[in-house]
N, C-alpha and C. Protein backbone atom coordinates (compact mmCIF):
# COMPACT_ATOMS: atom_id res chain seq x y z
N MET A 1 87.42 98.44 44.62
CA MET A 1 87.42 99.10 43.83
C MET A 1 88.84 99.04 42.91
N LEU A 2 88.17 98.78 41.48
CA LEU A 2 89.20 97.94 40.13
C LEU A 2 89.95 99.55 39.31
N SER A 3 90.65 98.68 37.99
CA SER A 3 90.89 99.61 37.66
C SER A 3 91.27 98.94 36.52
N ASP A 4 91.52 99.51 35.05
CA ASP A 4 92.36 99.16 34.10
C ASP A 4 92.19 97.24 33.75
N ILE A 5 91.27 97.28 33.84
CA ILE A 5 91.06 95.57 33.05
C ILE A 5 91.95 95.42 31.98
N HIS A 6 91.78 96.13 31.18
CA HIS A 6 91.90 95.64 29.34
C HIS A 6 91.94 94.58 29.37
N ALA A 7 90.81 94.20 29.02
CA ALA A 7 90.52 92.97 28.16
C ALA A 7 90.90 91.72 28.49
N ASN A 8 91.61 91.84 29.86
CA ASN A 8 92.22 90.38 30.17
C ASN A 8 91.25 89.88 31.59
N LYS A 9 90.28 88.67 30.73
CA LYS A 9 89.71 88.18 31.64
C LYS A 9 90.14 87.31 32.50
N VAL A 10 90.87 86.74 31.83
CA VAL A 10 91.65 85.62 32.83
C VAL A 10 91.91 86.33 34.59
N ALA A 11 92.64 87.74 34.39
CA ALA A 11 92.86 88.28 35.75
C ALA A 11 91.14 88.72 36.10
N LEU A 12 90.52 89.48 35.65
CA LEU A 12 89.06 89.93 35.70
C LEU A 12 88.63 88.89 36.62
N LYS A 13 88.65 87.16 36.23
CA LYS A 13 87.71 85.86 36.56
C LYS A 13 88.32 86.53 37.78
N ARG A 14 89.68 86.22 38.12
CA ARG A 14 90.39 85.71 39.63
C ARG A 14 89.97 86.94 40.59
N VAL A 15 89.94 88.00 39.71
CA VAL A 15 90.01 89.12 41.43
C VAL A 15 88.29 89.22 41.66
N LEU A 16 87.61 88.68 40.62
CA LEU A 16 86.20 88.74 41.44
C LEU A 16 86.05 87.59 42.23
N GLU A 17 86.76 86.71 41.87
CA GLU A 17 86.38 85.37 42.51
C GLU A 17 87.06 85.62 43.77
N ASP A 18 88.11 86.70 43.96
CA ASP A 18 88.35 86.74 45.35
C ASP A 18 87.79 87.48 45.94
N ALA A 19 86.96 89.02 45.21
CA ALA A 19 86.34 89.70 46.24
C ALA A 19 84.89 89.28 45.65
N ASP A 20 84.40 88.24 45.71
CA ASP A 20 83.07 87.94 46.02
C ASP A 20 82.19 88.21 46.74
N ASP A 21 82.90 88.45 47.86
CA ASP A 21 81.96 88.82 49.19
C ASP A 21 81.93 90.44 49.64
N VAL A 22 81.81 91.19 48.28
CA VAL A 22 81.83 92.77 48.28
C VAL A 22 80.38 93.01 48.19
N ASP A 23 79.82 94.30 48.50
CA ASP A 23 78.32 95.02 47.97
C ASP A 23 78.49 95.08 46.43
N LYS A 24 79.54 96.04 46.05
CA LYS A 24 79.36 96.72 45.19
C LYS A 24 80.84 96.42 44.52
N ILE A 25 80.76 97.10 43.01
CA ILE A 25 82.17 96.57 42.66
C ILE A 25 82.21 98.24 41.32
N LEU A 26 83.42 98.80 41.51
CA LEU A 26 83.37 100.04 40.76
C LEU A 26 84.98 100.24 40.45
N CYS A 27 84.49 100.77 39.01
CA CYS A 27 85.60 100.71 38.34
C CYS A 27 86.42 102.05 37.66
N ALA A 28 87.57 102.60 38.11
CA ALA A 28 88.18 103.60 37.61
C ALA A 28 88.35 103.69 36.25
N GLY A 29 87.82 102.92 35.27
CA GLY A 29 88.32 102.96 33.80
C GLY A 29 89.37 102.10 33.15
N ASP A 30 88.93 101.81 31.57
CA ASP A 30 89.70 100.94 30.76
C ASP A 30 89.46 99.66 30.86
N ILE A 31 87.77 99.89 30.29
CA ILE A 31 87.64 98.03 30.51
C ILE A 31 88.99 97.25 29.28
N VAL A 32 88.62 98.25 28.08
CA VAL A 32 89.32 97.32 27.02
C VAL A 32 91.21 97.72 26.91
N ASP A 33 91.30 96.83 25.35
CA ASP A 33 92.35 96.72 25.10
C ASP A 33 93.77 96.70 26.00
N TYR A 34 94.63 96.69 25.25
CA TYR A 34 96.08 95.80 25.30
C TYR A 34 95.99 94.45 25.23
N ASN A 35 94.63 93.88 25.73
CA ASN A 35 94.81 92.28 25.91
C ASN A 35 93.85 91.51 25.33
N PRO A 36 93.51 90.36 24.78
CA PRO A 36 92.94 89.85 23.77
C PRO A 36 91.33 89.51 24.11
N TRP A 37 90.74 90.05 25.03
CA TRP A 37 89.34 89.44 25.52
C TRP A 37 88.29 90.83 25.58
N PRO A 38 88.55 91.71 24.20
CA PRO A 38 87.41 92.96 24.69
C PRO A 38 86.05 92.57 25.04
N LEU A 39 85.67 91.88 24.08
CA LEU A 39 84.36 91.49 24.30
C LEU A 39 83.69 90.74 25.45
N GLU A 40 84.84 90.05 25.78
CA GLU A 40 84.59 89.44 27.33
C GLU A 40 84.60 89.95 28.40
N ALA A 41 85.67 90.97 28.34
CA ALA A 41 85.66 92.03 29.56
C ALA A 41 84.22 92.94 29.57
N ILE A 42 83.76 93.54 28.55
CA ILE A 42 82.52 94.42 28.27
C ILE A 42 81.18 93.46 29.14
N GLU A 43 81.32 92.02 28.70
CA GLU A 43 80.19 91.54 28.64
C GLU A 43 79.81 90.93 30.84
N MET A 44 81.25 90.64 31.43
CA MET A 44 82.03 90.15 32.17
C MET A 44 81.46 92.01 32.96
N ALA A 45 81.36 92.60 32.83
CA ALA A 45 81.41 94.19 33.16
C ALA A 45 79.90 94.19 33.60
N LYS A 46 78.98 94.30 32.55
CA LYS A 46 77.76 93.43 32.72
C LYS A 46 76.94 92.84 33.38
N LEU A 47 77.15 91.52 33.37
CA LEU A 47 77.11 90.31 34.21
C LEU A 47 77.09 90.90 35.71
N HIS A 48 78.25 91.53 35.80
CA HIS A 48 78.81 91.97 37.54
C HIS A 48 78.10 92.84 37.67
N ASP A 49 77.48 93.66 36.96
CA ASP A 49 76.94 95.16 37.49
C ASP A 49 78.32 96.22 37.79
N ILE A 50 79.15 95.93 37.09
CA ILE A 50 80.56 97.02 37.38
C ILE A 50 80.20 98.43 36.82
N GLN A 51 79.84 99.42 37.47
CA GLN A 51 80.18 100.71 37.21
C GLN A 51 81.19 101.06 37.46
N SER A 52 81.44 101.89 36.26
CA SER A 52 82.87 102.40 36.18
C SER A 52 82.63 104.17 35.07
N VAL A 53 83.50 104.66 35.14
CA VAL A 53 84.16 105.88 34.26
C VAL A 53 84.33 105.10 32.67
N ILE A 54 84.67 105.95 31.87
CA ILE A 54 85.65 105.93 30.94
C ILE A 54 87.12 106.07 30.92
N GLY A 55 87.51 105.42 30.34
CA GLY A 55 88.85 105.56 30.21
C GLY A 55 89.30 105.74 29.37
N ASN A 56 90.68 105.87 28.82
CA ASN A 56 91.52 106.74 27.14
C ASN A 56 91.48 105.39 26.95
N HIS A 57 91.40 104.69 26.97
CA HIS A 57 91.73 103.48 25.45
C HIS A 57 90.28 102.69 25.84
N ASP A 58 89.42 102.97 26.13
CA ASP A 58 87.99 102.96 25.85
C ASP A 58 87.54 103.69 25.04
N ARG A 59 87.86 105.02 25.22
CA ARG A 59 87.19 106.21 24.21
C ARG A 59 88.20 105.90 22.98
N ASP A 60 89.41 105.83 23.13
CA ASP A 60 89.78 105.66 22.41
C ASP A 60 90.08 104.23 20.95
N SER A 61 89.72 103.35 21.76
CA SER A 61 89.34 101.49 21.31
C SER A 61 88.36 102.04 20.16
N ALA A 62 86.98 102.84 21.35
CA ALA A 62 85.70 103.24 20.48
C ALA A 62 85.54 104.02 18.82
N LEU A 63 86.82 104.85 19.27
CA LEU A 63 86.82 105.76 18.15
C LEU A 63 87.69 105.56 17.06
N ARG A 64 88.55 104.32 17.55
CA ARG A 64 89.35 103.84 16.34
C ARG A 64 90.49 105.38 15.99
N LYS A 65 91.02 106.23 17.86
CA LYS A 65 91.90 107.68 17.53
C LYS A 65 92.65 106.75 18.50
N PRO A 66 93.66 106.68 17.95
CA PRO A 66 94.96 106.35 19.28
C PRO A 66 95.95 107.06 19.22
N VAL A 67 95.43 108.60 19.69
CA VAL A 67 96.70 109.09 19.69
C VAL A 67 97.41 109.75 20.71
N GLY A 68 98.26 109.52 20.81
CA GLY A 68 99.56 110.08 21.28
C GLY A 68 100.15 108.72 21.82
N TYR A 69 99.88 107.42 21.05
CA TYR A 69 100.22 106.39 21.95
C TYR A 69 101.63 105.57 21.17
N ASN A 70 102.48 104.43 22.15
CA ASN A 70 103.00 103.87 21.24
C ASN A 70 102.92 103.26 19.91
N VAL A 71 103.29 102.79 19.14
CA VAL A 71 103.81 101.43 18.16
C VAL A 71 102.83 100.29 18.42
N TYR A 72 103.33 100.06 19.54
CA TYR A 72 102.45 98.54 19.60
C TYR A 72 101.16 99.43 20.57
N ALA A 73 100.47 99.87 21.21
CA ALA A 73 99.32 100.74 21.89
C ALA A 73 98.86 100.98 20.39
N GLU A 74 99.27 101.48 19.56
CA GLU A 74 98.42 101.81 18.63
C GLU A 74 97.59 100.48 17.72
N ILE A 75 98.59 99.25 17.68
CA ILE A 75 98.50 97.99 16.86
C ILE A 75 96.88 97.55 17.57
N SER A 76 97.41 97.67 19.16
CA SER A 76 95.99 97.16 19.91
C SER A 76 95.02 97.69 19.74
N CYS A 77 95.06 98.76 19.79
CA CYS A 77 93.56 100.22 19.69
C CYS A 77 92.94 100.07 18.66
N ARG A 78 93.99 99.80 17.34
CA ARG A 78 93.15 99.22 16.48
C ARG A 78 93.20 98.12 16.13
N TRP A 79 93.12 97.18 16.58
CA TRP A 79 92.96 95.80 16.96
C TRP A 79 91.65 95.86 17.70
N THR A 80 91.30 95.86 18.90
CA THR A 80 90.13 96.32 20.06
C THR A 80 88.89 96.83 18.97
N HIS A 81 89.61 98.18 18.48
CA HIS A 81 88.48 98.51 17.81
C HIS A 81 87.58 97.78 16.91
N SER A 82 88.26 96.68 15.82
CA SER A 82 88.42 95.67 14.73
C SER A 82 87.15 94.75 15.51
N GLN A 83 87.40 94.21 16.73
CA GLN A 83 86.51 93.03 17.38
C GLN A 83 85.20 94.02 18.03
N LEU A 84 84.62 95.65 17.85
CA LEU A 84 83.59 95.52 18.90
C LEU A 84 82.83 95.72 18.02
N SER A 85 81.68 95.78 18.08
CA SER A 85 80.12 96.29 17.71
C SER A 85 79.85 97.20 17.68
N LEU A 86 79.05 97.74 16.41
CA LEU A 86 78.45 99.65 17.36
C LEU A 86 78.26 99.33 18.69
N ASN A 87 77.10 98.66 18.91
CA ASN A 87 76.52 98.64 20.22
C ASN A 87 77.74 98.80 21.54
N GLU A 88 78.85 97.78 21.09
CA GLU A 88 79.85 97.73 22.21
C GLU A 88 80.59 99.13 22.37
N ARG A 89 80.24 99.81 21.09
CA ARG A 89 81.31 100.84 21.00
C ARG A 89 80.78 101.93 21.79
N ARG A 90 78.89 101.86 21.23
CA ARG A 90 78.56 102.43 22.15
C ARG A 90 78.77 102.40 23.82
N TYR A 91 78.12 101.08 24.16
CA TYR A 91 78.37 101.05 25.28
C TYR A 91 79.47 102.21 26.23
N LEU A 92 80.82 101.42 25.73
CA LEU A 92 82.08 102.14 26.08
C LEU A 92 82.15 103.48 26.21
N LEU A 93 81.61 104.25 24.91
CA LEU A 93 81.28 105.72 24.82
C LEU A 93 80.21 106.53 25.80
N SER A 94 78.91 105.52 26.49
CA SER A 94 77.92 105.87 27.32
C SER A 94 79.09 106.44 28.33
N LEU A 95 80.10 105.40 28.83
CA LEU A 95 80.64 105.34 30.14
C LEU A 95 81.00 106.87 30.93
N PRO A 96 80.15 107.49 32.05
CA PRO A 96 80.71 108.79 32.83
C PRO A 96 81.98 109.42 32.46
N GLU A 97 82.56 110.48 32.52
CA GLU A 97 83.78 110.49 32.69
C GLU A 97 83.99 110.79 34.58
N LYS A 98 82.89 110.93 34.84
CA LYS A 98 83.51 110.79 36.31
C LYS A 98 82.38 110.42 37.83
N LEU A 99 82.21 109.93 38.46
CA LEU A 99 81.10 109.61 39.65
C LEU A 99 80.99 109.80 41.06
N ALA A 100 80.72 110.10 41.21
CA ALA A 100 80.29 110.56 42.30
C ALA A 100 79.27 109.74 43.19
N LEU A 101 79.44 109.10 44.46
CA LEU A 101 78.82 108.64 45.50
C LEU A 101 78.94 108.44 46.48
N ASP A 102 77.91 108.21 47.80
CA ASP A 102 77.37 108.59 49.22
C ASP A 102 78.01 106.87 49.39
N ILE A 103 78.52 106.56 50.28
CA ILE A 103 78.59 105.31 50.38
C ILE A 103 78.25 105.71 51.92
N GLU A 104 77.37 105.54 52.88
CA GLU A 104 76.92 105.65 54.11
C GLU A 104 77.36 107.10 54.90
N GLY A 105 77.20 108.01 53.84
CA GLY A 105 77.64 108.97 54.23
C GLY A 105 79.22 109.60 53.99
N VAL A 106 79.67 108.61 53.43
CA VAL A 106 81.47 108.93 52.83
C VAL A 106 81.11 109.10 51.69
N THR A 107 81.81 110.11 51.21
CA THR A 107 82.29 110.34 49.48
C THR A 107 82.92 109.81 48.38
N LEU A 108 82.37 109.07 47.53
CA LEU A 108 84.12 108.87 46.67
C LEU A 108 84.09 108.95 45.30
N PHE A 109 84.42 110.25 45.15
CA PHE A 109 84.82 110.58 43.47
C PHE A 109 85.64 109.51 42.97
N ILE A 110 85.20 109.52 41.53
CA ILE A 110 85.88 108.05 40.74
C ILE A 110 86.40 109.09 39.07
N CYS A 111 87.71 109.13 39.03
CA CYS A 111 88.07 109.77 37.45
C CYS A 111 88.82 108.56 37.17
N HIS A 112 88.99 108.42 35.45
CA HIS A 112 90.49 107.69 35.24
C HIS A 112 91.72 108.73 35.39
N GLY A 113 91.56 109.70 35.12
CA GLY A 113 92.78 110.69 34.74
C GLY A 113 92.71 110.94 36.58
N SER A 114 92.09 112.79 36.32
CA SER A 114 92.43 113.19 37.59
C SER A 114 90.91 114.60 37.62
N PRO A 115 90.61 114.75 38.79
CA PRO A 115 89.73 115.95 39.33
C PRO A 115 90.12 117.18 37.83
N ASP A 116 91.01 117.26 37.84
CA ASP A 116 91.57 118.70 36.62
C ASP A 116 91.57 117.98 35.53
N ASP A 117 91.71 116.76 34.96
CA ASP A 117 91.83 116.52 33.87
C ASP A 117 91.41 115.08 34.05
N LEU A 118 89.76 114.31 33.46
CA LEU A 118 88.82 113.27 34.27
C LEU A 118 89.64 111.93 33.90
N VAL A 119 90.08 112.30 32.37
CA VAL A 119 90.33 110.73 31.57
C VAL A 119 91.81 111.02 31.30
N ASP A 120 92.13 111.92 31.24
CA ASP A 120 93.82 111.83 29.91
C ASP A 120 95.01 112.25 31.41
N GLU A 121 95.37 112.45 32.51
CA GLU A 121 96.48 113.01 33.20
C GLU A 121 96.76 111.89 33.80
N TYR A 122 98.07 111.78 33.92
CA TYR A 122 98.81 110.93 34.81
C TYR A 122 98.79 111.03 36.11
N VAL A 123 98.98 110.07 37.11
CA VAL A 123 98.86 110.73 38.41
C VAL A 123 99.56 109.44 39.13
N PHE A 124 100.47 109.86 39.54
CA PHE A 124 101.07 108.62 39.71
C PHE A 124 101.96 108.75 41.64
N PRO A 125 102.16 107.60 42.29
CA PRO A 125 102.35 108.08 44.14
C PRO A 125 103.56 108.94 44.33
N PRO A 126 103.14 109.77 45.66
CA PRO A 126 104.57 110.56 45.59
C PRO A 126 105.49 109.82 45.90
N PRO A 127 106.42 110.61 45.79
CA PRO A 127 107.00 112.50 45.68
C PRO A 127 106.21 112.62 43.60
N THR A 128 106.71 111.47 43.11
CA THR A 128 106.35 112.01 41.80
C THR A 128 105.12 113.13 41.55
N THR A 129 103.80 112.61 41.39
CA THR A 129 102.88 113.60 41.62
C THR A 129 103.38 114.04 43.44
N PRO A 130 103.21 115.45 43.86
CA PRO A 130 103.43 116.07 45.19
C PRO A 130 102.39 115.87 46.10
N LEU A 131 102.51 115.29 47.51
CA LEU A 131 101.18 115.33 48.44
C LEU A 131 100.78 116.29 48.01
N SER A 132 100.68 117.96 48.12
CA SER A 132 100.17 118.84 48.03
C SER A 132 98.89 118.32 46.66
N VAL A 133 99.91 118.24 45.59
CA VAL A 133 98.26 118.09 44.66
C VAL A 133 97.60 117.03 44.96
N LEU A 134 97.82 116.24 45.63
CA LEU A 134 96.51 114.98 45.74
C LEU A 134 96.27 115.46 46.60
N GLU A 135 96.57 116.22 47.97
CA GLU A 135 95.86 117.21 48.54
C GLU A 135 94.27 117.78 48.85
N ASP A 136 94.97 118.23 47.11
CA ASP A 136 93.72 119.25 46.20
C ASP A 136 93.05 118.73 45.74
N TYR A 137 92.99 117.69 45.74
CA TYR A 137 91.61 116.84 44.68
C TYR A 137 91.23 116.75 45.49
N LEU A 138 91.16 116.10 46.71
CA LEU A 138 90.27 116.03 47.80
C LEU A 138 88.82 117.44 47.81
N ARG A 139 89.57 118.82 47.57
CA ARG A 139 88.73 119.21 47.95
C ARG A 139 88.41 120.05 46.59
N LYS A 140 88.58 119.96 45.64
CA LYS A 140 88.57 119.93 44.00
C LYS A 140 86.89 118.90 43.82
N ALA A 141 87.09 117.62 44.45
CA ALA A 141 86.02 116.74 44.31
C ALA A 141 84.95 116.63 45.44
N GLN A 142 85.18 117.60 46.37
CA GLN A 142 84.72 117.79 47.98
C GLN A 142 84.23 116.18 48.13
N ALA A 143 85.39 115.54 47.99
CA ALA A 143 85.16 113.84 48.61
C ALA A 143 85.74 113.74 49.55
N ASN A 144 85.56 112.15 50.49
CA ASN A 144 86.21 111.79 51.18
C ASN A 144 87.09 111.01 50.99
N ILE A 145 86.36 109.85 49.35
CA ILE A 145 87.37 109.47 48.81
C ILE A 145 87.66 109.97 47.45
N VAL A 146 89.20 110.24 46.51
CA VAL A 146 89.15 110.17 45.05
C VAL A 146 90.15 109.26 44.65
N ALA A 147 89.13 108.05 43.99
CA ALA A 147 90.01 107.49 43.37
C ALA A 147 90.16 107.45 41.67
N LEU A 148 92.01 107.15 41.44
CA LEU A 148 91.92 107.23 40.03
C LEU A 148 92.49 106.31 39.39
N GLY A 149 92.79 106.05 38.10
CA GLY A 149 92.62 104.72 37.72
C GLY A 149 94.46 105.37 36.58
N HIS A 150 94.79 104.82 34.93
CA HIS A 150 95.49 105.31 34.04
C HIS A 150 97.00 105.17 34.18
N THR A 151 97.44 105.28 35.52
CA THR A 151 99.05 105.22 35.66
C THR A 151 99.39 103.42 35.34
N HIS A 152 98.29 102.71 36.79
CA HIS A 152 98.42 101.19 37.04
C HIS A 152 99.63 101.10 37.71
N VAL A 153 99.50 102.04 38.82
CA VAL A 153 100.57 101.85 39.61
C VAL A 153 99.85 102.15 40.80
N PRO A 154 99.58 101.37 41.87
CA PRO A 154 99.08 101.23 42.90
C PRO A 154 99.29 102.40 43.71
N PHE A 155 98.49 102.67 44.68
CA PHE A 155 98.74 103.33 45.70
C PHE A 155 97.60 103.78 47.28
N ILE A 156 97.53 104.74 48.20
CA ILE A 156 96.92 104.66 49.24
C ILE A 156 97.29 106.04 49.82
N GLN A 157 96.40 106.98 49.86
CA GLN A 157 97.90 108.30 50.79
C GLN A 157 96.57 108.72 51.43
N SER A 158 96.73 108.62 52.89
CA SER A 158 95.88 109.46 53.27
C SER A 158 96.37 110.74 53.82
N PHE A 159 94.90 111.85 53.70
CA PHE A 159 95.01 112.67 54.26
C PHE A 159 94.14 113.38 55.24
N PRO A 160 94.26 114.93 56.33
CA PRO A 160 93.02 114.37 57.64
C PRO A 160 91.80 114.45 57.09
N GLU A 161 91.75 115.24 55.73
CA GLU A 161 90.82 114.79 54.82
C GLU A 161 90.00 113.71 54.07
N GLY A 162 90.80 112.72 54.11
CA GLY A 162 90.59 111.60 53.70
C GLY A 162 91.52 110.67 52.70
N TYR A 163 91.09 110.67 51.48
CA TYR A 163 92.33 109.43 51.06
C TYR A 163 92.46 109.44 49.32
N VAL A 164 92.92 109.77 48.68
CA VAL A 164 93.88 109.52 47.37
C VAL A 164 94.05 107.95 47.16
N ILE A 165 93.49 107.62 46.39
CA ILE A 165 93.95 106.24 45.89
C ILE A 165 94.04 105.89 43.90
N ASN A 166 94.53 104.91 44.05
CA ASN A 166 94.46 103.65 42.19
C ASN A 166 94.74 102.66 43.02
N PRO A 167 93.87 101.76 42.67
CA PRO A 167 93.97 100.64 42.78
C PRO A 167 94.07 99.63 42.18
N GLY A 168 95.50 100.61 41.39
CA GLY A 168 96.24 99.55 40.31
C GLY A 168 95.78 98.99 39.07
N SER A 169 96.29 97.84 38.26
CA SER A 169 95.39 97.44 37.18
C SER A 169 95.54 96.13 37.53
N VAL A 170 94.08 95.52 37.26
CA VAL A 170 93.46 94.16 37.39
C VAL A 170 94.14 93.30 36.01
N GLY A 171 94.56 94.10 34.84
CA GLY A 171 95.09 93.49 34.05
C GLY A 171 96.14 93.78 32.89
N GLN A 172 97.11 95.22 33.26
CA GLN A 172 97.83 95.31 33.17
C GLN A 172 98.92 95.64 33.97
N PRO A 173 99.42 94.61 35.28
CA PRO A 173 100.41 95.72 36.43
C PRO A 173 101.53 96.51 35.69
N ARG A 174 102.03 97.34 36.38
CA ARG A 174 102.65 98.19 36.05
C ARG A 174 103.70 98.66 37.09
N SER A 175 103.40 97.82 38.33
CA SER A 175 104.04 98.15 39.21
C SER A 175 105.43 97.44 39.91
N GLY A 176 105.78 96.54 38.81
CA GLY A 176 106.86 95.43 38.81
C GLY A 176 106.37 94.20 39.24
N ASP A 177 105.02 94.10 39.71
CA ASP A 177 104.33 92.72 40.35
C ASP A 177 103.23 92.57 39.08
N PRO A 178 103.40 91.50 39.24
CA PRO A 178 102.95 90.94 37.69
C PRO A 178 101.37 90.37 38.40
N ARG A 179 101.07 90.34 39.39
CA ARG A 179 99.54 89.94 39.96
C ARG A 179 98.62 91.49 39.54
N ALA A 180 97.05 90.88 39.51
CA ALA A 180 96.73 91.85 39.61
C ALA A 180 95.98 92.40 40.46
N SER A 181 95.64 93.69 40.71
CA SER A 181 95.42 94.78 41.95
C SER A 181 94.34 94.78 41.77
N TYR A 182 93.59 95.55 42.87
CA TYR A 182 92.26 96.04 43.48
C TYR A 182 92.41 96.49 44.84
N VAL A 183 91.36 97.06 44.94
CA VAL A 183 91.76 97.62 46.70
C VAL A 183 90.06 97.40 46.89
N VAL A 184 89.95 96.18 48.57
CA VAL A 184 88.16 96.95 49.29
C VAL A 184 88.20 98.20 49.58
N ILE A 185 87.42 98.74 49.49
CA ILE A 185 86.62 99.70 50.16
C ILE A 185 85.43 99.89 51.46
N THR A 186 85.80 99.78 52.57
CA THR A 186 85.28 99.08 53.89
C THR A 186 84.57 100.66 54.34
N VAL A 187 83.64 100.70 54.29
CA VAL A 187 82.99 101.83 55.40
C VAL A 187 81.66 101.06 56.27
N GLU A 188 82.26 101.56 57.06
CA GLU A 188 81.08 101.60 58.54
C GLU A 188 81.17 102.51 59.77
N ASN A 189 79.80 102.52 60.24
CA ASN A 189 79.62 103.54 60.96
C ASN A 189 80.80 105.01 60.58
N GLY A 190 80.90 105.21 59.43
CA GLY A 190 81.84 106.39 58.81
C GLY A 190 83.15 106.15 58.72
N GLU A 191 83.24 104.90 59.44
CA GLU A 191 84.80 104.82 59.58
C GLU A 191 84.90 104.46 57.98
N VAL A 192 86.53 104.44 57.34
CA VAL A 192 86.99 103.97 56.54
C VAL A 192 88.10 103.08 56.51
N LYS A 193 88.29 102.28 55.89
CA LYS A 193 89.34 101.28 55.93
C LYS A 193 89.48 100.91 54.40
N LEU A 194 90.70 100.84 54.30
CA LEU A 194 91.41 100.88 53.17
C LEU A 194 92.23 99.28 52.72
N GLU A 195 91.90 98.29 52.01
CA GLU A 195 93.31 97.49 51.94
C GLU A 195 93.48 97.11 50.52
N HIS A 196 94.53 96.76 50.37
CA HIS A 196 95.19 96.77 49.13
C HIS A 196 95.57 94.75 48.63
N ARG A 197 94.62 94.64 47.47
CA ARG A 197 94.66 93.32 47.39
C ARG A 197 95.88 93.00 45.89
N LEU A 198 96.36 91.71 46.31
CA LEU A 198 97.26 91.20 44.63
C LEU A 198 96.72 89.78 44.96
N VAL A 199 96.38 89.74 43.45
CA VAL A 199 96.04 87.98 42.81
C VAL A 199 96.60 87.72 41.81
N LYS A 200 96.94 86.70 42.26
CA LYS A 200 98.02 85.36 40.68
C LYS A 200 96.83 85.21 40.12
N TYR A 201 97.27 85.00 38.32
CA TYR A 201 96.38 84.36 37.55
C TYR A 201 97.37 84.51 36.37
N ASP A 202 96.33 83.01 35.77
CA ASP A 202 97.28 82.43 34.59
C ASP A 202 97.85 83.24 33.42
N ILE A 203 99.37 83.55 33.89
CA ILE A 203 99.69 85.02 32.54
C ILE A 203 99.71 83.90 31.40
N ASP A 204 100.34 82.88 31.66
CA ASP A 204 100.47 81.91 30.18
C ASP A 204 99.18 81.78 29.38
N GLU A 205 98.24 81.40 29.71
CA GLU A 205 96.54 81.79 29.38
C GLU A 205 96.55 82.57 28.15
N VAL A 206 97.11 83.83 28.76
CA VAL A 206 96.43 85.12 28.28
C VAL A 206 97.81 85.33 27.34
N ALA A 207 99.07 84.96 27.22
CA ALA A 207 100.18 85.05 26.42
C ALA A 207 100.01 84.46 25.39
N ALA A 208 99.07 83.19 26.06
CA ALA A 208 99.25 82.28 24.22
C ALA A 208 97.92 83.19 23.14
N LYS A 209 97.40 83.22 24.56
CA LYS A 209 96.29 84.24 23.46
C LYS A 209 96.37 85.36 22.59
N ILE A 210 97.30 86.38 22.87
CA ILE A 210 97.79 87.50 22.37
C ILE A 210 98.18 86.88 21.19
N ALA A 211 99.34 85.89 21.51
CA ALA A 211 99.60 85.41 20.10
C ALA A 211 98.70 85.11 19.41
N GLU A 212 98.06 84.12 19.49
CA GLU A 212 96.98 83.25 18.79
C GLU A 212 96.56 84.32 17.61
N VAL A 213 96.07 85.38 18.46
CA VAL A 213 94.80 86.82 17.91
C VAL A 213 95.92 87.81 17.31
N GLY A 214 97.18 87.40 17.54
CA GLY A 214 98.42 88.16 16.74
C GLY A 214 98.50 89.96 17.16
N LEU A 215 98.29 89.87 18.09
CA LEU A 215 99.05 91.24 18.93
C LEU A 215 100.37 90.87 19.08
N PRO A 216 100.89 92.59 19.86
CA PRO A 216 102.33 92.14 19.45
C PRO A 216 103.01 91.77 20.97
N SER A 217 104.11 90.52 20.48
CA SER A 217 104.73 89.96 21.87
C SER A 217 104.74 90.45 23.30
N SER A 218 104.95 91.89 22.96
CA SER A 218 105.76 92.85 23.78
C SER A 218 104.43 92.68 25.04
N LEU A 219 103.19 92.67 24.62
CA LEU A 219 101.94 92.96 25.59
C LEU A 219 102.23 91.79 26.65
N ALA A 220 102.78 91.19 25.64
CA ALA A 220 102.55 89.39 26.63
C ALA A 220 103.81 89.31 27.86
N GLU A 221 104.57 89.84 26.91
CA GLU A 221 105.79 89.83 27.91
C GLU A 221 106.05 90.96 29.35
N ARG A 222 105.28 91.68 28.94
CA ARG A 222 105.28 92.31 29.79
C ARG A 222 104.39 92.63 31.00
N LEU A 223 103.63 91.46 30.86
CA LEU A 223 102.76 90.65 32.22
C LEU A 223 103.53 90.53 32.97
N TYR A 224 104.65 89.48 32.32
CA TYR A 224 105.27 88.19 33.01
C TYR A 224 106.14 89.68 34.39
N LEU A 225 106.19 90.42 33.75
CA LEU A 225 107.16 91.25 34.53
C LEU A 225 106.30 92.55 35.82
N GLY A 226 105.36 92.80 34.97
CA GLY A 226 104.37 93.85 36.11
C GLY A 226 104.78 94.75 35.38
N ILE A 227 105.17 95.54 34.33
CA ILE A 227 105.47 96.65 33.81
C ILE A 227 105.02 97.49 32.34
């Protein structure tokens, strides 16, 4: 389970290498923006049959509408839009707002935001987002596992009814740990096991490319800090 790749092909490559034994790769949105390889990230998602929902940066980069973004995110969104062909924009806009899957009898619901606001709501680890709210998501989604993205902050919260998880970000972690973050979901005989994994990648390579293409230097600096 991935999320928030954000056009970081270097981090995505390392995650895919680390997760080479999984049966399926799912993504909670934001394949593009912030980092300098939107075309390559889309191509890798297609090549590895990554099944993804749409994130706000996928939508806004495709439409060139960075509404509510800070100045650096606006620059990145507009630059990303300029790199995308019509077909790539259509691909991003074709991604569904939610996915509901059955894995050996275990139901999995995926969106970028939350079951209340599928793309744009920020859901943080408790207590910032109350446990009662997270538990209610399981009932609203009618799922055993609800997987969210958007905040770039990983968490796994268990309840009697199931789990609410955020796998963190592959391409722009914000938990204070600069390593690429994802979660492996294992289902065996109806039992669920969740493993949070962190993977080192070459941030220098990403930072150099950010400078080369003229994206804001702050986008490179934050990668070293994981913020």
